[in-house]
Amino acid sequence: MKWSVGIEAEGDKILSREQIVELADAVAASDGIATGIGTSRYGVQLVVEADTRQDAIGTATERFIAAAASAGLPPAPVVRTQAVSEAEEESGFR
């Protein structure tokens, strides 16, 4: 099953446009988008394949951490995760 997973981390430095563009490039292969320009919080929205919500969040978190490191972002604690399945999206669940 496909899941749309949102993850955000918050650090103590304001992020530049270039840093978030690097993050967006790093998650593009997972149908991902990135947010966080001009804030200390950066995040991604990824599409992953998983059997359960917990597995989807786990897979997306691994990809997020790898993408953030690849983009050269400072490590920061994850402060939000959200996962919505394709079936939930179609039924209007949010």
PDB file of N, CA and C in Angstrom:
ATOM      1  N   MET A   1       0.844  -1.168   0.000  1.00  0.00           N
ATOM      2  CA  MET A   1       0.000   0.000   0.000  1.00  0.00           C
ATOM      3  C   MET A   1       0.893   1.237   0.000  1.00  0.00           C
ATOM      4  N   LYS A   2       0.455   2.258  -0.716  1.00  0.00           N
ATOM      5  CA  LYS A   2       1.208   3.511  -0.749  1.00  0.00           C
ATOM      6  C   LYS A   2       0.749   4.428   0.377  1.00  0.00           C
ATOM      7  N   TRP A   3       1.726   5.139   0.940  1.00  0.00           N
ATOM      8  CA  TRP A   3       1.484   6.076   2.029  1.00  0.00           C
ATOM      9  C   TRP A   3       2.137   7.408   1.701  1.00  0.00           C
ATOM     10  N   SER A   4       1.475   8.479   2.052  1.00  0.00           N
ATOM     11  CA  SER A   4       2.053   9.817   1.994  1.00  0.00           C
ATOM     12  C   SER A   4       2.462  10.157   3.418  1.00  0.00           C
ATOM     13  N   VAL A   5       3.763  10.363   3.613  1.00  0.00           N
ATOM     14  CA  VAL A   5       4.290  10.576   4.961  1.00  0.00           C
ATOM     15  C   VAL A   5       4.948  11.950   5.049  1.00  0.00           C
ATOM     16  N   GLY A   6       4.524  12.708   6.046  1.00  0.00           N
ATOM     17  CA  GLY A   6       5.123  14.004   6.328  1.00  0.00           C
ATOM     18  C   GLY A   6       5.987  13.901   7.569  1.00  0.00           C
ATOM     19  N   ILE A   7       7.186  14.470   7.495  1.00  0.00           N
ATOM     20  CA  ILE A   7       8.116  14.446   8.621  1.00  0.00           C
ATOM     21  C   ILE A   7       8.764  15.818   8.732  1.00  0.00           C
ATOM     22  N   GLU A   8       8.885  16.312   9.968  1.00  0.00           N
ATOM     23  CA  GLU A   8       9.568  17.580  10.208  1.00  0.00           C
ATOM     24  C   GLU A   8      10.564  17.421  11.345  1.00  0.00           C
ATOM     25  N   ALA A   9      11.677  18.119  11.206  1.00  0.00           N
ATOM     26  CA  ALA A   9      12.690  18.189  12.250  1.00  0.00           C
ATOM     27  C   ALA A   9      12.915  19.661  12.566  1.00  0.00           C
ATOM     28  N   GLU A  10      13.298  19.950  13.803  1.00  0.00           N
ATOM     29  CA  GLU A  10      13.536  21.336  14.187  1.00  0.00           C
ATOM     30  C   GLU A  10      14.891  21.467  14.856  1.00  0.00           C
ATOM     31  N   GLY A  11      15.681  22.390  14.323  1.00  0.00           N
ATOM     32  CA  GLY A  11      17.008  22.661  14.865  1.00  0.00           C
ATOM     33  C   GLY A  11      17.082  24.064  15.412  1.00  0.00           C
ATOM     34  N   ASP A  12      18.293  24.591  15.483  1.00  0.00           N
ATOM     35  CA  ASP A  12      18.469  25.924  16.055  1.00  0.00           C
ATOM     36  C   ASP A  12      19.036  26.934  15.065  1.00  0.00           C
ATOM     37  N   LYS A  13      19.123  26.549  13.797  1.00  0.00           N
ATOM     38  CA  LYS A  13      19.641  27.466  12.777  1.00  0.00           C
ATOM     39  C   LYS A  13      18.590  27.700  11.704  1.00  0.00           C
ATOM     40  N   ILE A  14      18.548  28.921  11.212  1.00  0.00           N
ATOM     41  CA  ILE A  14      17.645  29.275  10.110  1.00  0.00           C
ATOM     42  C   ILE A  14      18.220  28.701   8.815  1.00  0.00           C
ATOM     43  N   LEU A  15      17.359  28.041   8.048  1.00  0.00           N
ATOM     44  CA  LEU A  15      17.804  27.368   6.830  1.00  0.00           C
ATOM     45  C   LEU A  15      17.620  28.237   5.595  1.00  0.00           C
ATOM     46  N   SER A  16      18.575  28.148   4.718  1.00  0.00           N
ATOM     47  CA  SER A  16      18.547  28.950   3.490  1.00  0.00           C
ATOM     48  C   SER A  16      17.762  28.239   2.391  1.00  0.00           C
ATOM     49  N   ARG A  17      17.448  28.993   1.382  1.00  0.00           N
ATOM     50  CA  ARG A  17      16.774  28.436   0.205  1.00  0.00           C
ATOM     51  C   ARG A  17      17.611  27.317  -0.396  1.00  0.00           C
ATOM     52  N   GLU A  18      18.915  27.546  -0.502  1.00  0.00           N
ATOM     53  CA  GLU A  18      19.804  26.558  -1.101  1.00  0.00           C
ATOM     54  C   GLU A  18      19.793  25.234  -0.331  1.00  0.00           C
ATOM     55  N   GLN A  19      19.765  25.312   1.000  1.00  0.00           N
ATOM     56  CA  GLN A  19      19.741  24.089   1.805  1.00  0.00           C
ATOM     57  C   GLN A  19      18.462  23.285   1.555  1.00  0.00           C
ATOM     58  N   ILE A  20      17.334  23.973   1.474  1.00  0.00           N
ATOM     59  CA  ILE A  20      16.072  23.271   1.263  1.00  0.00           C
ATOM     60  C   ILE A  20      15.972  22.746  -0.165  1.00  0.00           C
ATOM     61  N   VAL A  21      16.544  23.459  -1.122  1.00  0.00           N
ATOM     62  CA  VAL A  21      16.588  22.949  -2.501  1.00  0.00           C
ATOM     63  C   VAL A  21      17.415  21.664  -2.547  1.00  0.00           C
ATOM     64  N   GLU A  22      18.518  21.626  -1.816  1.00  0.00           N
ATOM     65  CA  GLU A  22      19.333  20.402  -1.735  1.00  0.00           C
ATOM     66  C   GLU A  22      18.521  19.255  -1.140  1.00  0.00           C
ATOM     67  N   LEU A  23      17.736  19.552  -0.094  1.00  0.00           N
ATOM     68  CA  LEU A  23      16.885  18.535   0.520  1.00  0.00           C
ATOM     69  C   LEU A  23      15.833  18.056  -0.481  1.00  0.00           C
ATOM     70  N   ALA A  24      15.225  18.980  -1.206  1.00  0.00           N
ATOM     71  CA  ALA A  24      14.224  18.622  -2.219  1.00  0.00           C
ATOM     72  C   ALA A  24      14.836  17.711  -3.282  1.00  0.00           C
ATOM     73  N   ASP A  25      16.041  18.029  -3.711  1.00  0.00           N
ATOM     74  CA  ASP A  25      16.725  17.179  -4.696  1.00  0.00           C
ATOM     75  C   ASP A  25      16.961  15.779  -4.137  1.00  0.00           C
ATOM     76  N   ALA A  26      17.303  15.710  -2.851  1.00  0.00           N
ATOM     77  CA  ALA A  26      17.612  14.422  -2.226  1.00  0.00           C
ATOM     78  C   ALA A  26      16.380  13.538  -2.051  1.00  0.00           C
ATOM     79  N   VAL A  27      15.192  14.119  -1.973  1.00  0.00           N
ATOM     80  CA  VAL A  27      13.973  13.319  -1.798  1.00  0.00           C
ATOM     81  C   VAL A  27      13.152  13.182  -3.074  1.00  0.00           C
ATOM     82  N   ALA A  28      13.612  13.746  -4.145  1.00  0.00           N
ATOM     83  CA  ALA A  28      12.857  13.707  -5.402  1.00  0.00           C
ATOM     84  C   ALA A  28      12.584  12.278  -5.871  1.00  0.00           C
ATOM     85  N   ALA A  29      13.500  11.357  -5.639  1.00  0.00           N
ATOM     86  CA  ALA A  29      13.313   9.969  -6.082  1.00  0.00           C
ATOM     87  C   ALA A  29      12.163   9.279  -5.342  1.00  0.00           C
ATOM     88  N   SER A  30      11.788   9.791  -4.184  1.00  0.00           N
ATOM     89  CA  SER A  30      10.664   9.228  -3.414  1.00  0.00           C
ATOM     90  C   SER A  30       9.400  10.060  -3.609  1.00  0.00           C
ATOM     91  N   ASP A  31       9.277  10.695  -4.775  1.00  0.00           N
ATOM     92  CA  ASP A  31       8.154  11.591  -5.037  1.00  0.00           C
ATOM     93  C   ASP A  31       8.021  12.605  -3.909  1.00  0.00           C
ATOM     94  N   GLY A  32       9.155  13.086  -3.429  1.00  0.00           N
ATOM     95  CA  GLY A  32       9.160  13.953  -2.260  1.00  0.00           C
ATOM     96  C   GLY A  32       9.223  15.435  -2.569  1.00  0.00           C
ATOM     97  N   ILE A  33       8.749  16.192  -1.601  1.00  0.00           N
ATOM     98  CA  ILE A  33       8.881  17.643  -1.615  1.00  0.00           C
ATOM     99  C   ILE A  33       9.487  18.046  -0.287  1.00  0.00           C
ATOM    100  N   ALA A  34      10.075  19.232  -0.240  1.00  0.00           N
ATOM    101  CA  ALA A  34      10.721  19.699   0.984  1.00  0.00           C
ATOM    102  C   ALA A  34      10.234  21.094   1.344  1.00  0.00           C
ATOM    103  N   THR A  35      10.247  21.387   2.644  1.00  0.00           N
ATOM    104  CA  THR A  35       9.840  22.696   3.142  1.00  0.00           C
ATOM    105  C   THR A  35      10.840  23.172   4.188  1.00  0.00           C
ATOM    106  N   GLY A  36      10.815  24.475   4.454  1.00  0.00           N
ATOM    107  CA  GLY A  36      11.626  24.993   5.552  1.00  0.00           C
ATOM    108  C   GLY A  36      12.452  26.221   5.249  1.00  0.00           C
ATOM    109  N   ILE A  37      12.323  26.813   4.075  1.00  0.00           N
ATOM    110  CA  ILE A  37      13.130  27.981   3.746  1.00  0.00           C
ATOM    111  C   ILE A  37      12.862  29.101   4.745  1.00  0.00           C
ATOM    112  N   GLY A  38      13.930  29.622   5.334  1.00  0.00           N
ATOM    113  CA  GLY A  38      13.823  30.769   6.243  1.00  0.00           C
ATOM    114  C   GLY A  38      13.335  30.426   7.639  1.00  0.00           C
ATOM    115  N   THR A  39      13.302  29.130   7.987  1.00  0.00           N
ATOM    116  CA  THR A  39      12.875  28.715   9.320  1.00  0.00           C
ATOM    117  C   THR A  39      13.917  27.775   9.918  1.00  0.00           C
ATOM    118  N   SER A  40      13.743  27.426  11.173  1.00  0.00           N
ATOM    119  CA  SER A  40      14.639  26.451  11.808  1.00  0.00           C
ATOM    120  C   SER A  40      14.043  25.048  11.749  1.00  0.00           C
ATOM    121  N   ARG A  41      12.894  24.913  11.114  1.00  0.00           N
ATOM    122  CA  ARG A  41      12.217  23.621  10.981  1.00  0.00           C
ATOM    123  C   ARG A  41      12.234  23.225   9.509  1.00  0.00           C
ATOM    124  N   TYR A  42      12.712  22.017   9.230  1.00  0.00           N
ATOM    125  CA  TYR A  42      12.691  21.536   7.850  1.00  0.00           C
ATOM    126  C   TYR A  42      11.928  20.222   7.780  1.00  0.00           C
ATOM    127  N   GLY A  43      11.307  19.990   6.631  1.00  0.00           N
ATOM    128  CA  GLY A  43      10.489  18.800   6.518  1.00  0.00           C
ATOM    129  C   GLY A  43      10.374  18.309   5.101  1.00  0.00           C
ATOM    130  N   VAL A  44       9.805  17.112   5.001  1.00  0.00           N
ATOM    131  CA  VAL A  44       9.557  16.505   3.703  1.00  0.00           C
ATOM    132  C   VAL A  44       8.204  15.830   3.703  1.00  0.00           C
ATOM    133  N   GLN A  45       7.676  15.646   2.521  1.00  0.00           N
ATOM    134  CA  GLN A  45       6.487  14.827   2.285  1.00  0.00           C
ATOM    135  C   GLN A  45       6.945  13.787   1.279  1.00  0.00           C
ATOM    136  N   LEU A  46       6.861  12.504   1.654  1.00  0.00           N
ATOM    137  CA  LEU A  46       7.343  11.411   0.816  1.00  0.00           C
ATOM    138  C   LEU A  46       6.228  10.417   0.528  1.00  0.00           C
ATOM    139  N   VAL A  47       6.337   9.723  -0.591  1.00  0.00           N
ATOM    140  CA  VAL A  47       5.440   8.616  -0.899  1.00  0.00           C
ATOM    141  C   VAL A  47       6.260   7.341  -0.734  1.00  0.00           C
ATOM    142  N   VAL A  48       5.777   6.436   0.133  1.00  0.00           N
ATOM    143  CA  VAL A  48       6.474   5.171   0.375  1.00  0.00           C
ATOM    144  C   VAL A  48       5.499   4.012   0.270  1.00  0.00           C
ATOM    145  N   GLU A  49       6.032   2.848   0.030  1.00  0.00           N
ATOM    146  CA  GLU A  49       5.255   1.608  -0.020  1.00  0.00           C
ATOM    147  C   GLU A  49       5.494   0.878   1.312  1.00  0.00           C
ATOM    148  N   ALA A  50       4.397   0.524   2.001  1.00  0.00           N
ATOM    149  CA  ALA A  50       4.511  -0.190   3.280  1.00  0.00           C
ATOM    150  C   ALA A  50       3.189  -0.866   3.604  1.00  0.00           C
ATOM    151  N   ASP A  51       3.257  -1.874   4.479  1.00  0.00           N
ATOM    152  CA  ASP A  51       2.052  -2.599   4.881  1.00  0.00           C
ATOM    153  C   ASP A  51       1.270  -1.869   5.963  1.00  0.00           C
ATOM    154  N   THR A  52       1.974  -1.165   6.855  1.00  0.00           N
ATOM    155  CA  THR A  52       1.312  -0.501   7.977  1.00  0.00           C
ATOM    156  C   THR A  52       1.767   0.943   8.088  1.00  0.00           C
ATOM    157  N   ARG A  53       0.999   1.719   8.842  1.00  0.00           N
ATOM    158  CA  ARG A  53       1.348   3.120   9.089  1.00  0.00           C
ATOM    159  C   ARG A  53       2.717   3.209   9.759  1.00  0.00           C
ATOM    160  N   GLN A  54       2.953   2.347  10.753  1.00  0.00           N
ATOM    161  CA  GLN A  54       4.218   2.377  11.483  1.00  0.00           C
ATOM    162  C   GLN A  54       5.392   2.065  10.561  1.00  0.00           C
ATOM    163  N   ASP A  55       5.220   1.077   9.667  1.00  0.00           N
ATOM    164  CA  ASP A  55       6.270   0.747   8.700  1.00  0.00           C
ATOM    165  C   ASP A  55       6.503   1.909   7.739  1.00  0.00           C
ATOM    166  N   ALA A  56       5.427   2.571   7.328  1.00  0.00           N
ATOM    167  CA  ALA A  56       5.550   3.712   6.416  1.00  0.00           C
ATOM    168  C   ALA A  56       6.342   4.833   7.071  1.00  0.00           C
ATOM    169  N   ILE A  57       6.032   5.127   8.323  1.00  0.00           N
ATOM    170  CA  ILE A  57       6.749   6.183   9.038  1.00  0.00           C
ATOM    171  C   ILE A  57       8.217   5.789   9.226  1.00  0.00           C
ATOM    172  N   GLY A  58       8.464   4.522   9.543  1.00  0.00           N
ATOM    173  CA  GLY A  58       9.844   4.060   9.711  1.00  0.00           C
ATOM    174  C   GLY A  58      10.659   4.190   8.438  1.00  0.00           C
ATOM    175  N   THR A  59      10.089   3.733   7.330  1.00  0.00           N
ATOM    176  CA  THR A  59      10.774   3.823   6.040  1.00  0.00           C
ATOM    177  C   THR A  59      11.020   5.276   5.653  1.00  0.00           C
ATOM    178  N   ALA A  60      10.002   6.101   5.790  1.00  0.00           N
ATOM    179  CA  ALA A  60      10.132   7.514   5.426  1.00  0.00           C
ATOM    180  C   ALA A  60      11.144   8.229   6.320  1.00  0.00           C
ATOM    181  N   THR A  61      11.161   7.883   7.593  1.00  0.00           N
ATOM    182  CA  THR A  61      12.117   8.514   8.518  1.00  0.00           C
ATOM    183  C   THR A  61      13.551   8.179   8.120  1.00  0.00           C
ATOM    184  N   GLU A  62      13.795   6.928   7.761  1.00  0.00           N
ATOM    185  CA  GLU A  62      15.136   6.545   7.299  1.00  0.00           C
ATOM    186  C   GLU A  62      15.536   7.346   6.062  1.00  0.00           C
ATOM    187  N   ARG A  63      14.616   7.471   5.122  1.00  0.00           N
ATOM    188  CA  ARG A  63      14.911   8.235   3.897  1.00  0.00           C
ATOM    189  C   ARG A  63      15.117   9.711   4.206  1.00  0.00           C
ATOM    190  N   PHE A  64      14.314  10.238   5.123  1.00  0.00           N
ATOM    191  CA  PHE A  64      14.424  11.638   5.527  1.00  0.00           C
ATOM    192  C   PHE A  64      15.793  11.923   6.142  1.00  0.00           C
ATOM    193  N   ILE A  65      16.206  11.083   7.069  1.00  0.00           N
ATOM    194  CA  ILE A  65      17.493  11.282   7.730  1.00  0.00           C
ATOM    195  C   ILE A  65      18.640  11.196   6.723  1.00  0.00           C
ATOM    196  N   ALA A  66      18.577  10.215   5.819  1.00  0.00           N
ATOM    197  CA  ALA A  66      19.607  10.074   4.790  1.00  0.00           C
ATOM    198  C   ALA A  66      19.614  11.281   3.849  1.00  0.00           C
ATOM    199  N   ALA A  67      18.430  11.756   3.462  1.00  0.00           N
ATOM    200  CA  ALA A  67      18.332  12.902   2.560  1.00  0.00           C
ATOM    201  C   ALA A  67      18.854  14.169   3.233  1.00  0.00           C
ATOM    202  N   ALA A  68      18.521  14.364   4.509  1.00  0.00           N
ATOM    203  CA  ALA A  68      18.998  15.539   5.234  1.00  0.00           C
ATOM    204  C   ALA A  68      20.519  15.524   5.332  1.00  0.00           C
ATOM    205  N   ALA A  69      21.083  14.365   5.609  1.00  0.00           N
ATOM    206  CA  ALA A  69      22.549  14.251   5.681  1.00  0.00           C
ATOM    207  C   ALA A  69      23.174  14.513   4.312  1.00  0.00           C
ATOM    208  N   SER A  70      22.563  13.951   3.263  1.00  0.00           N
ATOM    209  CA  SER A  70      23.055  14.155   1.897  1.00  0.00           C
ATOM    210  C   SER A  70      23.012  15.630   1.501  1.00  0.00           C
ATOM    211  N   ALA A  71      21.984  16.332   1.998  1.00  0.00           N
ATOM    212  CA  ALA A  71      21.831  17.758   1.689  1.00  0.00           C
ATOM    213  C   ALA A  71      22.716  18.640   2.568  1.00  0.00           C
ATOM    214  N   GLY A  72      23.403  18.029   3.542  1.00  0.00           N
ATOM    215  CA  GLY A  72      24.281  18.789   4.418  1.00  0.00           C
ATOM    216  C   GLY A  72      23.550  19.566   5.501  1.00  0.00           C
ATOM    217  N   LEU A  73      22.312  19.164   5.801  1.00  0.00           N
ATOM    218  CA  LEU A  73      21.563  19.858   6.851  1.00  0.00           C
ATOM    219  C   LEU A  73      22.053  19.416   8.225  1.00  0.00           C
ATOM    220  N   PRO A  74      21.991  20.315   9.194  1.00  0.00           N
ATOM    221  CA  PRO A  74      22.411  19.934  10.539  1.00  0.00           C
ATOM    222  C   PRO A  74      21.439  18.916  11.125  1.00  0.00           C
ATOM    223  N   PRO A  75      21.949  17.900  11.827  1.00  0.00           N
ATOM    224  CA  PRO A  75      21.044  16.937  12.460  1.00  0.00           C
ATOM    225  C   PRO A  75      20.121  17.658  13.442  1.00  0.00           C
ATOM    226  N   ALA A  76      18.868  17.237  13.467  1.00  0.00           N
ATOM    227  CA  ALA A  76      17.887  17.859  14.360  1.00  0.00           C
ATOM    228  C   ALA A  76      16.843  16.813  14.726  1.00  0.00           C
ATOM    229  N   PRO A  77      16.255  16.934  15.906  1.00  0.00           N
ATOM    230  CA  PRO A  77      15.246  15.952  16.308  1.00  0.00           C
ATOM    231  C   PRO A  77      13.967  16.064  15.472  1.00  0.00           C
ATOM    232  N   VAL A  78      13.387  14.913  15.172  1.00  0.00           N
ATOM    233  CA  VAL A  78      12.104  14.869  14.472  1.00  0.00           C
ATOM    234  C   VAL A  78      11.034  15.328  15.452  1.00  0.00           C
ATOM    235  N   VAL A  79      10.220  16.295  15.021  1.00  0.00           N
ATOM    236  CA  VAL A  79       9.190  16.848  15.902  1.00  0.00           C
ATOM    237  C   VAL A  79       7.768  16.548  15.427  1.00  0.00           C
ATOM    238  N   ARG A  80       7.626  16.000  14.200  1.00  0.00           N
ATOM    239  CA  ARG A  80       6.292  15.684  13.695  1.00  0.00           C
ATOM    240  C   ARG A  80       6.384  14.610  12.633  1.00  0.00           C
ATOM    241  N   THR A  81       5.472  13.650  12.722  1.00  0.00           N
ATOM    242  CA  THR A  81       5.298  12.667  11.648  1.00  0.00           C
ATOM    243  C   THR A  81       3.801  12.485  11.420  1.00  0.00           C
ATOM    244  N   GLN A  82       3.444  12.240  10.178  1.00  0.00           N
ATOM    245  CA  GLN A  82       2.052  11.985   9.827  1.00  0.00           C
ATOM    246  C   GLN A  82       2.045  11.091   8.607  1.00  0.00           C
ATOM    247  N   ALA A  83       1.200  10.074   8.613  1.00  0.00           N
ATOM    248  CA  ALA A  83       1.104   9.176   7.466  1.00  0.00           C
ATOM    249  C   ALA A  83      -0.357   8.955   7.110  1.00  0.00           C
ATOM    250  N   VAL A  84      -0.654   9.077   5.815  1.00  0.00           N
ATOM    251  CA  VAL A  84      -2.008   8.856   5.302  1.00  0.00           C
ATOM    252  C   VAL A  84      -1.883   7.864   4.159  1.00  0.00           C
ATOM    253  N   SER A  85      -2.678   6.792   4.236  1.00  0.00           N
ATOM    254  CA  SER A  85      -2.626   5.785   3.180  1.00  0.00           C
ATOM    255  C   SER A  85      -3.388   6.265   1.948  1.00  0.00           C
ATOM    256  N   GLU A  86      -3.089   5.627   0.848  1.00  0.00           N
ATOM    257  CA  GLU A  86      -3.785   5.922  -0.416  1.00  0.00           C
ATOM    258  C   GLU A  86      -5.292   5.696  -0.249  1.00  0.00           C
ATOM    259  N   ALA A  87      -5.655   4.629   0.461  1.00  0.00           N
ATOM    260  CA  ALA A  87      -7.078   4.331   0.686  1.00  0.00           C
ATOM    261  C   ALA A  87      -7.737   5.422   1.527  1.00  0.00           C
ATOM    262  N   GLU A  88      -7.047   5.899   2.543  1.00  0.00           N
ATOM    263  CA  GLU A  88      -7.589   6.979   3.390  1.00  0.00           C
ATOM    264  C   GLU A  88      -7.761   8.267   2.583  1.00  0.00           C
ATOM    265  N   GLU A  89      -6.796   8.548   1.727  1.00  0.00           N
ATOM    266  CA  GLU A  89      -6.885   9.734   0.861  1.00  0.00           C
ATOM    267  C   GLU A  89      -8.135   9.666  -0.017  1.00  0.00           C
ATOM    268  N   GLU A  90      -8.357   8.503  -0.611  1.00  0.00           N
ATOM    269  CA  GLU A  90      -9.498   8.335  -1.519  1.00  0.00           C
ATOM    270  C   GLU A  90     -10.832   8.445  -0.795  1.00  0.00           C
ATOM    271  N   SER A  91     -10.865   8.038   0.484  1.00  0.00           N
ATOM    272  CA  SER A  91     -12.120   8.102   1.241  1.00  0.00           C
ATOM    273  C   SER A  91     -12.324   9.453   1.918  1.00  0.00           C
ATOM    274  N   GLY A  92     -11.335  10.350   1.772  1.00  0.00           N
ATOM    275  CA  GLY A  92     -11.459  11.679   2.345  1.00  0.00           C
ATOM    276  C   GLY A  92     -10.972  11.794   3.763  1.00  0.00           C
ATOM    277  N   PHE A  93     -10.329  10.753   4.305  1.00  0.00           N
ATOM    278  CA  PHE A  93      -9.786  10.789   5.661  1.00  0.00           C
ATOM    279  C   PHE A  93      -8.593  11.718   5.720  1.00  0.00           C
ATOM    280  N   ARG A  94      -8.508  12.520   6.752  1.00  0.00           N
ATOM    281  CA  ARG A  94      -7.356  13.410   6.940  1.00  0.00           C
ATOM    282  C   ARG A  94      -6.956  13.425   8.364  1.00  0.00           C
TER     283      ARG A  94
END
